[in-house]
C-alpha cells in the first residue's frame, strides 16, 4: 500500500512540474502574439491590428514579476473598411503626424514597473507606456498564466491618446467639431505569448 502511495505522489509531482513554469526569462513570440485596436468616433468606430516587435517577461516562484514589449508602429492595419483605397487612406492617416508619426517614431514601448497578483491568474499591472517619444504611467488589469514553459498574458488597455500629443479632432482641444469628434481614448487588446529562453 505504501508503495502505491509513493508512486501516486511521484506521478502527481511530475504532472505538477510539467504544467508549472520555471523561474527565468521568457521571450515574447511575435508570431504567436496578437495586438488589436479599436478607435471610436461619434459616427462609429474603426478596428485593426498592429504587430508586436519584441518583448520579454521575468518570473520568480511561478509568478511573472516584470517584463516589457515593443510595438511596431509601422505595421498598423485596418480591418473594418472593405474598400482598399479607403482602407489605405485611413492607415496612412494613422501613420501621419496627426496621429502616431510612425516614420519618426517606429516603435512604441511598454515597461512594467509594478505587478500585483490577485485571485487565480488575475493581476494588476502598472508601467510606463511610451508613444511618440512621450512616456506616461498607466495601470490595467490582466490575466497572466505561466504553464508548461510558456507565459500567456491578456489585457484590454484603455489609452488616452491626448496624453501622447495625439489631439486630432479631440473635443477637449477643438471646438465646433460636431459629429467629427474622435474619442480621446482608444482600446489596445493585448495577447502576448512568451517562451522560456534556453
Protein backbone atom coordinates (compact mmCIF):
# COMPACT_ATOMS: atom_id res chain seq x y z
CA UNK A 1 0.00 0.00 0.00
CA UNK A 2 2.84 2.35 0.88
CA UNK A 3 4.50 1.73 -2.48
CA UNK A 4 1.29 2.70 -4.30
CA UNK A 5 1.06 5.92 -2.30
CA UNK A 6 4.68 6.65 -3.14
CA UNK A 7 4.10 6.06 -6.86
CA UNK A 8 0.96 8.22 -6.78
CA UNK A 9 2.89 11.03 -5.08
CA UNK A 10 5.64 10.85 -7.71
CA UNK A 11 3.10 10.93 -10.55
CA UNK A 12 1.26 13.92 -9.08
CA UNK A 13 4.53 15.77 -8.55
CA UNK A 14 5.58 15.01 -12.11
CA UNK A 15 2.32 16.32 -13.53
CA UNK A 16 2.59 19.48 -11.41
CA UNK A 17 6.13 20.09 -12.65
CA UNK A 18 5.06 19.56 -16.26
CA UNK A 19 2.44 22.29 -16.01
CA UNK A 20 4.46 24.74 -13.94
CA UNK A 21 6.86 27.25 -15.43
CA UNK A 22 10.43 27.71 -14.27
CA UNK A 23 12.00 30.89 -12.96
CA UNK A 24 13.87 32.98 -15.50
CA UNK A 25 13.36 34.97 -18.66
CA UNK A 26 10.69 34.37 -21.29
CA UNK A 27 10.96 35.82 -24.78
CA UNK A 28 7.77 37.13 -26.38
CA UNK A 29 6.95 35.19 -29.56
CA UNK A 30 5.86 37.88 -32.02
CA UNK A 31 4.29 35.33 -34.37
CA UNK A 32 2.04 33.85 -31.68
CA UNK A 33 1.21 37.19 -30.04
CA UNK A 34 -1.59 39.47 -31.18
CA UNK A 35 -2.47 43.14 -30.77
CA UNK A 36 -5.77 44.63 -31.92
CA UNK A 37 -7.04 48.19 -31.59
CA UNK A 38 -10.39 49.98 -31.53
CA UNK A 39 -10.77 53.69 -32.21
CA UNK A 40 -14.19 55.26 -31.70
CA UNK A 41 -15.83 58.41 -33.04
CA UNK A 42 -19.31 59.95 -32.96
CA UNK A 43 -20.36 58.25 -36.20
CA UNK A 44 -18.89 54.81 -35.49
CA UNK A 45 -15.57 53.09 -34.93
CA UNK A 46 -12.57 51.59 -36.69
CA UNK A 47 -10.78 48.39 -35.80
CA UNK A 48 -7.44 46.95 -36.77
CA UNK A 49 -4.24 45.16 -35.88
CA UNK A 50 -0.66 46.10 -35.12
CA UNK A 51 2.39 43.88 -34.69
CA UNK A 52 4.49 43.10 -31.64
CA UNK A 53 8.14 43.87 -32.41
CA UNK A 54 9.74 42.16 -29.41
CA UNK A 55 9.33 41.64 -25.68
CA UNK A 56 10.17 39.59 -22.61
CA UNK A 57 8.90 38.51 -19.20
CA UNK A 58 10.77 37.73 -16.00
CA UNK A 59 9.42 35.23 -13.48
CA UNK A 60 10.07 34.09 -9.93
CA UNK A 61 8.34 31.43 -7.85
CA UNK A 62 5.98 30.66 -10.73
CA UNK A 63 4.83 34.31 -10.93
CA UNK A 64 5.50 36.95 -13.56
CA UNK A 65 7.45 39.74 -11.84
CA UNK A 66 8.31 42.04 -14.73
CA UNK A 67 8.54 42.49 -18.44
CA UNK A 68 8.29 44.76 -21.44
CA UNK A 69 7.23 44.76 -25.06
CA UNK A 70 7.64 46.93 -28.13
CA UNK A 71 5.06 47.66 -30.82
CA UNK A 72 5.89 48.10 -34.49
CA UNK A 73 4.03 51.34 -35.27
CA UNK A 74 4.71 50.98 -39.00
CA UNK A 75 2.59 47.81 -39.11
CA UNK A 76 -0.78 49.44 -38.37
CA UNK A 77 -3.63 47.84 -40.32
CA UNK A 78 -7.37 48.47 -40.56
CA UNK A 79 -9.80 45.53 -40.53
CA UNK A 80 -13.25 47.13 -40.84
CA UNK A 81 -13.05 49.06 -44.13
CA UNK A 82 -13.70 46.85 -47.16
CA UNK A 83 -12.79 49.39 -49.82
CA UNK A 84 -9.00 49.10 -50.45
CA UNK A 85 -8.47 52.80 -51.23
CA UNK A 86 -10.47 53.87 -48.16
CA UNK A 87 -8.56 51.42 -46.01
CA UNK A 88 -5.21 52.69 -47.31
CA UNK A 89 -6.27 56.30 -46.72
CA UNK A 90 -7.14 55.61 -43.08
CA UNK A 91 -3.93 53.67 -42.41
CA UNK A 92 -1.78 56.40 -43.95
CA UNK A 93 -3.59 58.97 -41.82
CA UNK A 94 -2.97 56.94 -38.66
CA UNK A 95 0.72 56.77 -39.54
CA UNK A 96 0.89 60.53 -40.18
CA UNK A 97 1.78 63.30 -37.74
CA UNK A 98 -1.94 63.78 -36.95
CA UNK A 99 -1.75 60.50 -35.07
CA UNK A 100 1.26 58.23 -34.43
CA UNK A 101 4.04 59.72 -36.62
CA UNK A 102 5.12 56.17 -37.46
CA UNK A 103 8.06 57.17 -39.65
CA UNK A 104 9.60 59.34 -36.95
CA UNK A 105 8.62 57.05 -34.05
CA UNK A 106 8.59 53.49 -35.50
CA UNK A 107 8.18 51.83 -32.09
CA UNK A 108 6.04 52.30 -29.01
CA UNK A 109 7.08 50.55 -25.79
CA UNK A 110 5.61 49.40 -22.51
CA UNK A 111 7.74 48.56 -19.47
CA UNK A 112 6.25 47.02 -16.33
CA UNK A 113 7.21 48.86 -13.14
CA UNK A 114 4.91 47.01 -10.73
CA UNK A 115 2.79 43.91 -10.95
CA UNK A 116 0.40 42.79 -8.21
CA UNK A 117 -1.17 39.35 -8.18
CA UNK A 118 -4.81 38.88 -7.26
CA UNK A 119 -7.09 35.86 -7.32
CA UNK A 120 -6.10 32.95 -9.52
CA UNK A 121 -4.45 34.31 -12.71
CA UNK A 122 -5.57 37.91 -12.25
CA UNK A 123 -3.01 40.70 -11.93
CA UNK A 124 -2.89 44.48 -11.75
CA UNK A 125 -0.15 45.79 -13.98
CA UNK A 126 1.43 49.22 -13.72
CA UNK A 127 4.07 50.53 -16.07
CA UNK A 128 5.40 53.17 -18.43
CA UNK A 129 3.92 53.47 -21.91
CA UNK A 130 5.89 55.44 -24.49
CA UNK A 131 4.26 56.65 -27.71
CA UNK A 132 5.79 59.30 -29.99
CA UNK A 133 8.65 59.67 -27.53
CA UNK A 134 6.28 60.67 -24.72
CA UNK A 135 6.07 58.46 -21.61
CA UNK A 136 3.08 58.16 -19.29
CA UNK A 137 2.32 55.75 -16.47
CA UNK A 138 -0.71 53.52 -17.00
CA UNK A 139 -2.41 50.78 -14.98
CA UNK A 140 -4.71 47.99 -16.09
CA UNK A 141 -5.98 44.51 -15.10
CA UNK A 142 -4.51 41.49 -16.88
CA UNK A 143 -4.85 37.73 -16.98
CA UNK A 144 -1.43 36.08 -16.86
CA UNK A 145 -0.69 32.35 -16.87
CA UNK A 146 2.62 30.56 -16.55
CA UNK A 147 2.11 26.98 -17.71
CA UNK A 148 4.31 24.32 -19.25
CA UNK A 149 7.21 26.62 -20.10
CA UNK A 150 5.01 29.33 -21.60
CA UNK A 151 3.70 32.70 -20.40
CA UNK A 152 0.40 34.00 -21.78
CA UNK A 153 -0.76 37.50 -20.93
CA UNK A 154 -4.06 39.06 -21.96
CA UNK A 155 -5.30 42.58 -21.26
CA UNK A 156 -7.63 45.27 -22.54
CA UNK A 157 -5.85 48.60 -22.16
CA UNK A 158 -7.66 51.92 -22.47
CA UNK A 159 -5.24 54.65 -23.61
CA UNK A 160 -5.83 58.41 -23.59
CA UNK A 161 -4.20 59.45 -26.86
CA UNK A 162 -4.10 63.14 -25.95
CA UNK A 163 -1.51 62.41 -23.25
CA UNK A 164 0.81 61.43 -26.10
CA UNK A 165 0.18 64.61 -28.09
CA UNK A 166 -2.38 62.97 -30.39
CA UNK A 167 -5.09 65.62 -30.37
CA UNK A 168 -6.57 65.38 -33.86
CA UNK A 169 -10.32 66.08 -33.64
CA UNK A 170 -10.35 65.84 -29.86
CA UNK A 171 -13.39 67.51 -28.35
CA UNK A 172 -11.26 68.59 -25.37
CA UNK A 173 -8.94 70.65 -27.56
CA UNK A 174 -11.05 71.79 -30.52
CA UNK A 175 -14.49 73.40 -30.69
CA UNK A 176 -17.36 73.06 -33.14
CA UNK A 177 -16.32 69.62 -34.41
CA UNK A 178 -19.88 68.32 -34.39
CA UNK A 179 -20.05 64.69 -35.48
CA UNK A 180 -16.38 64.75 -36.49
CA UNK A 181 -15.22 64.31 -32.88
CA UNK A 182 -12.91 61.34 -32.27
CA UNK A 183 -12.81 59.80 -28.78
CA UNK A 184 -9.71 60.63 -26.76
CA UNK A 185 -9.47 57.03 -25.57
CA UNK A 186 -8.68 54.05 -27.78
CA UNK A 187 -8.55 50.37 -26.87
CA UNK A 188 -5.49 48.18 -27.24
CA UNK A 189 -6.26 44.49 -26.80
CA UNK A 190 -3.10 42.59 -25.94
CA UNK A 191 -2.42 38.87 -26.21
CA UNK A 192 1.24 38.06 -25.59
CA UNK A 193 2.85 34.64 -25.64
CA UNK A 194 6.30 34.15 -24.16
CA UNK A 195 8.51 31.05 -24.31
CA UNK A 196 11.36 30.34 -21.94
CA UNK A 197 14.88 31.20 -23.03
CA UNK A 198 17.11 28.15 -23.21
